[in-house]
Amino acid sequence: MSNDPFYIGEHCTFGACKTLDFLPITCTFCSQVFCKKHHTPLLHECQCVPEPKIATSSTAPAQPCSVCNLADVVNVTCEDCSRIFCMSHRTLEQHSCPSIEVKKKPKEIAPVVSTAKGTNLKRKGAKSLALERKVMLMKMKNKSSGPSSIPQTERIYLNVLTGEGGKQCFYHCSNVWSVGRAVDALADHMGLKNNNDKSGVEQLVMVCREVILPMGEQLKSHTESGDTVTLRYLPPN
């Protein structure tokens, strides 16, 4: 691996795969790194697996995500609400953590906590948050849906959640689209009911940073690549 602290991921070492994986998995037997498709000893034909013993033990299955019920390879436990989530729902905003409302209230700066060994536990710095956002943006670009006709230089990559049903996807829009056009495109892609062309019925809106975005304004005026947005229904006026 490179000594550069901003170097992200490693290439799978299985045969001709060489896939660049942002969350590579190290085999416990041969100590080589592999992508998600080749991480088990059977899938990468590991030569270092010991002979099976007579006594066997069962391995507990991966616990499902509290939002989408997906049993991911890597699960994350939220330190604030203590629930388990997949990588796509690990942040507070992505799983609508109850602690968000509490954290909005001003409070005194908490003192640094010391462990028994004297190690200081510090909050994430700006560099760590920037690196986490960079990793998420790379994942969005790798897995996003959206019109292939949109030039790379015009794309805005969004992590899209729904207020009901727990749907989630990575989607790229054009930075010249209006918010309303983006909502229409996402509704079609995610199979959501969209009656925005009718009056007197609930309207599908886009929310970013807890603000409802104005339908007639350009998307790039209110969002940027890497943002998480939520599609919600508003009752009729």
Protein backbone atom coordinates (compact mmCIF):
# COMPACT_ATOMS: atom_id res chain seq x y z
CA MET A 1 0.00 0.00 0.00
CA SER A 2 1.20 3.57 -0.68
CA ASN A 3 2.50 5.68 2.25
CA ASP A 4 0.34 8.56 1.02
CA PRO A 5 -2.40 9.07 3.72
CA PHE A 6 -4.87 9.98 0.96
CA TYR A 7 -4.26 6.78 -1.04
CA ILE A 8 -7.57 4.97 -1.14
CA GLY A 9 -8.13 1.20 -1.48
CA GLU A 10 -6.04 -1.68 -2.80
CA HIS A 11 -6.12 -3.91 -5.86
CA CYS A 12 -7.44 -7.47 -5.50
CA THR A 13 -4.56 -9.97 -5.64
CA PHE A 14 -6.61 -12.82 -7.11
CA GLY A 15 -5.37 -13.85 -10.56
CA ALA A 16 -6.16 -11.32 -13.25
CA CYS A 17 -8.92 -9.59 -11.21
CA LYS A 18 -6.87 -6.61 -9.95
CA THR A 19 -10.09 -4.75 -9.08
CA LEU A 20 -9.47 -1.57 -7.08
CA ASP A 21 -11.54 -2.03 -3.91
CA PHE A 22 -12.02 0.88 -1.51
CA LEU A 23 -12.72 -1.57 1.36
CA PRO A 24 -10.36 -4.49 0.63
CA ILE A 25 -10.56 -7.59 2.83
CA THR A 26 -7.48 -9.42 4.10
CA CYS A 27 -7.60 -13.23 4.14
CA THR A 28 -6.89 -14.58 7.64
CA PHE A 29 -5.01 -17.54 6.16
CA CYS A 30 -2.76 -16.17 3.38
CA SER A 31 -2.75 -12.48 4.50
CA GLN A 32 -3.40 -11.30 0.92
CA VAL A 33 -6.00 -8.61 0.13
CA PHE A 34 -9.03 -9.29 -2.05
CA CYS A 35 -12.13 -7.55 -3.37
CA LYS A 36 -15.66 -8.42 -2.23
CA LYS A 37 -16.01 -11.03 -5.00
CA HIS A 38 -12.89 -12.99 -3.98
CA HIS A 39 -12.53 -12.38 -0.22
CA THR A 40 -13.43 -15.91 0.98
CA PRO A 41 -10.78 -18.68 0.89
CA LEU A 42 -12.96 -20.71 -1.48
CA LEU A 43 -13.42 -17.85 -3.97
CA HIS A 44 -9.71 -17.06 -4.22
CA GLU A 45 -8.61 -20.72 -3.98
CA CYS A 46 -6.56 -20.11 -0.87
CA GLN A 47 -3.64 -22.52 -0.48
CA CYS A 48 -3.07 -21.69 3.19
CA VAL A 49 -6.32 -23.05 4.65
CA PRO A 50 -5.47 -25.71 7.30
CA GLU A 51 -6.89 -29.20 7.14
CA PRO A 52 -10.39 -29.39 8.64
CA LYS A 53 -10.64 -30.65 12.22
CA ILE A 54 -13.17 -33.12 13.52
CA ALA A 55 -14.68 -30.61 15.90
CA THR A 56 -16.58 -27.86 14.10
CA SER A 57 -17.90 -24.54 15.25
CA SER A 58 -20.60 -22.36 13.76
CA THR A 59 -20.04 -18.73 12.83
CA ALA A 60 -22.76 -16.25 13.69
CA PRO A 61 -24.36 -14.77 10.54
CA ALA A 62 -23.85 -11.11 9.72
CA GLN A 63 -26.51 -8.95 11.38
CA PRO A 64 -28.88 -7.11 8.99
CA CYS A 65 -28.94 -3.33 8.60
CA SER A 66 -31.62 -1.65 10.73
CA VAL A 67 -32.77 0.41 7.71
CA CYS A 68 -32.63 -1.81 4.61
CA ASN A 69 -32.29 -5.23 6.31
CA LEU A 70 -29.19 -5.98 4.20
CA ALA A 71 -26.59 -8.26 5.83
CA ASP A 72 -23.48 -6.52 4.46
CA VAL A 73 -19.90 -7.86 4.62
CA VAL A 74 -18.98 -4.90 6.84
CA ASN A 75 -21.47 -3.73 9.46
CA VAL A 76 -21.21 -0.51 11.48
CA THR A 77 -22.68 0.08 14.93
CA CYS A 78 -23.77 3.68 15.49
CA GLU A 79 -22.14 5.06 18.65
CA ASP A 80 -25.14 7.32 19.27
CA CYS A 81 -28.16 4.99 18.88
CA SER A 82 -26.33 1.60 19.18
CA ARG A 83 -28.11 0.14 16.13
CA ILE A 84 -26.38 -1.81 13.35
CA PHE A 85 -26.19 -0.50 9.77
CA CYS A 86 -24.67 -1.36 6.40
CA MET A 87 -22.09 0.96 4.80
CA SER A 88 -24.80 2.82 2.86
CA HIS A 89 -26.66 3.83 6.05
CA ARG A 90 -23.76 4.28 8.48
CA THR A 91 -23.90 8.09 8.90
CA LEU A 92 -26.35 9.84 11.22
CA GLU A 93 -28.23 11.49 8.34
CA GLN A 94 -28.48 8.27 6.30
CA HIS A 95 -30.27 6.36 9.08
CA SER A 96 -32.12 9.38 10.58
CA CYS A 97 -30.39 8.92 13.93
CA PRO A 98 -32.44 10.27 16.88
CA SER A 99 -29.27 11.90 18.18
CA ILE A 100 -29.33 14.46 15.33
CA GLU A 101 -31.98 16.56 17.08
CA VAL A 102 -30.05 16.39 20.36
CA LYS A 103 -26.81 17.46 18.67
CA LYS A 104 -28.50 20.54 17.19
CA LYS A 105 -28.83 22.01 20.69
CA PRO A 106 -25.81 24.05 21.88
CA LYS A 107 -23.83 22.38 24.59
CA GLU A 108 -20.56 22.74 26.39
CA ILE A 109 -17.45 21.27 24.82
CA ALA A 110 -16.96 17.81 26.27
CA PRO A 111 -13.58 17.17 27.92
CA VAL A 112 -11.16 14.72 26.38
CA VAL A 113 -11.82 11.23 27.72
CA SER A 114 -8.88 9.10 28.82
CA THR A 115 -8.80 5.32 28.75
CA ALA A 116 -7.12 3.10 31.35
CA LYS A 117 -3.96 3.13 29.20
CA GLY A 118 -3.97 6.91 29.03
CA THR A 119 -4.94 7.12 25.35
CA ASN A 120 -6.91 10.24 24.48
CA LEU A 121 -10.12 9.72 22.54
CA LYS A 122 -10.57 12.74 20.24
CA ARG A 123 -13.36 13.75 17.93
CA LYS A 124 -12.85 13.37 14.20
CA GLY A 125 -10.89 16.25 12.71
CA ALA A 126 -11.66 18.09 9.51
CA LYS A 127 -9.11 15.97 7.63
CA SER A 128 -10.83 12.71 8.70
CA LEU A 129 -14.25 14.00 7.65
CA ALA A 130 -12.86 15.17 4.30
CA LEU A 131 -11.30 11.76 3.71
CA GLU A 132 -14.56 9.99 4.61
CA ARG A 133 -16.46 12.20 2.16
CA LYS A 134 -13.85 11.49 -0.54
CA VAL A 135 -14.29 7.73 -0.07
CA MET A 136 -18.09 8.04 -0.22
CA LEU A 137 -17.89 10.14 -3.39
CA MET A 138 -15.67 7.52 -5.06
CA LYS A 139 -18.22 4.85 -4.13
CA MET A 140 -21.03 7.01 -5.58
CA LYS A 141 -19.19 7.49 -8.88
CA ASN A 142 -18.51 3.75 -9.12
CA LYS A 143 -22.10 2.65 -8.44
CA SER A 144 -24.30 5.58 -9.51
CA SER A 145 -27.26 5.32 -11.86
CA GLY A 146 -28.42 8.12 -14.12
CA PRO A 147 -28.44 9.18 -17.77
CA SER A 148 -25.22 8.14 -19.50
CA SER A 149 -25.63 11.10 -21.87
CA ILE A 150 -24.73 13.58 -19.12
CA PRO A 151 -21.05 14.61 -19.55
CA GLN A 152 -18.78 13.73 -16.63
CA THR A 153 -18.01 17.41 -16.09
CA GLU A 154 -21.71 18.23 -15.59
CA ARG A 155 -22.60 15.44 -13.17
CA ILE A 156 -23.68 15.94 -9.58
CA TYR A 157 -23.47 12.66 -7.63
CA LEU A 158 -26.07 12.30 -4.87
CA ASN A 159 -26.87 9.74 -2.19
CA VAL A 160 -30.67 9.60 -2.41
CA LEU A 161 -32.90 8.37 0.44
CA THR A 162 -36.68 8.20 0.72
CA GLY A 163 -38.67 9.28 3.73
CA GLU A 164 -40.87 6.18 3.49
CA GLY A 165 -40.00 2.62 2.54
CA GLY A 166 -36.29 2.95 3.24
CA LYS A 167 -35.20 3.05 -0.42
CA GLN A 168 -31.69 4.28 -1.24
CA CYS A 169 -29.59 4.75 -4.36
CA PHE A 170 -26.62 6.62 -5.79
CA TYR A 171 -27.70 8.79 -8.72
CA HIS A 172 -26.05 11.40 -10.91
CA CYS A 173 -27.97 14.42 -12.20
CA SER A 174 -26.93 17.24 -14.51
CA ASN A 175 -25.80 20.42 -12.80
CA VAL A 176 -27.99 22.41 -15.21
CA TRP A 177 -31.17 20.56 -14.19
CA SER A 178 -33.74 22.27 -12.02
CA VAL A 179 -34.62 20.69 -8.69
CA GLY A 180 -38.03 19.77 -10.13
CA ARG A 181 -36.50 17.90 -13.06
CA ALA A 182 -34.18 16.02 -10.71
CA VAL A 183 -37.16 15.01 -8.52
CA ASP A 184 -39.04 13.73 -11.59
CA ALA A 185 -36.02 11.70 -12.77
CA LEU A 186 -35.46 10.19 -9.33
CA ALA A 187 -39.15 9.33 -8.91
CA ASP A 188 -39.07 7.42 -12.22
CA HIS A 189 -35.83 5.64 -11.31
CA MET A 190 -36.93 4.64 -7.79
CA GLY A 191 -40.55 3.83 -8.66
CA LEU A 192 -42.04 6.57 -6.48
CA LYS A 193 -45.50 8.06 -6.89
CA ASN A 194 -45.18 11.51 -8.42
CA ASN A 195 -48.23 13.78 -8.73
CA ASN A 196 -46.29 17.03 -8.88
CA ASP A 197 -48.13 17.99 -12.08
CA LYS A 198 -51.46 17.99 -10.20
CA SER A 199 -52.88 20.36 -7.61
CA GLY A 200 -54.63 19.50 -4.37
CA VAL A 201 -52.58 16.32 -3.83
CA GLU A 202 -49.40 15.51 -1.89
CA GLN A 203 -46.23 16.74 -3.57
CA LEU A 204 -42.87 14.94 -3.80
CA VAL A 205 -40.04 17.28 -2.70
CA MET A 206 -36.27 17.09 -2.26
CA VAL A 207 -34.71 17.89 1.11
CA CYS A 208 -31.01 18.65 1.62
CA ARG A 209 -29.52 19.64 4.98
CA GLU A 210 -33.07 19.70 6.37
CA VAL A 211 -34.17 22.37 3.88
CA ILE A 212 -36.82 21.81 1.18
CA LEU A 213 -35.21 22.82 -2.11
CA PRO A 214 -37.16 25.19 -4.43
CA MET A 215 -38.37 23.28 -7.49
CA GLY A 216 -37.68 26.02 -10.03
CA GLU A 217 -34.05 26.69 -9.10
CA GLN A 218 -30.97 24.90 -10.43
CA LEU A 219 -29.82 21.87 -8.51
CA LYS A 220 -26.21 23.07 -8.40
CA SER A 221 -27.30 26.16 -6.44
CA HIS A 222 -28.26 24.00 -3.46
CA THR A 223 -26.26 20.73 -3.72
CA GLU A 224 -22.84 19.41 -4.63
CA SER A 225 -21.43 15.97 -5.39
CA GLY A 226 -21.33 13.79 -2.29
CA ASP A 227 -24.43 15.30 -0.66
CA THR A 228 -27.21 13.17 0.82
CA VAL A 229 -30.74 14.22 -0.18
CA THR A 230 -34.11 12.85 0.88
CA LEU A 231 -37.31 12.59 -1.17
CA ARG A 232 -40.40 13.24 0.96
CA TYR A 233 -44.11 13.79 0.43
CA LEU A 234 -45.73 17.01 1.58
CA PRO A 235 -49.48 17.06 2.25
CA PRO A 236 -51.61 19.30 -0.02
CA ASN A 237 -52.06 22.90 1.02
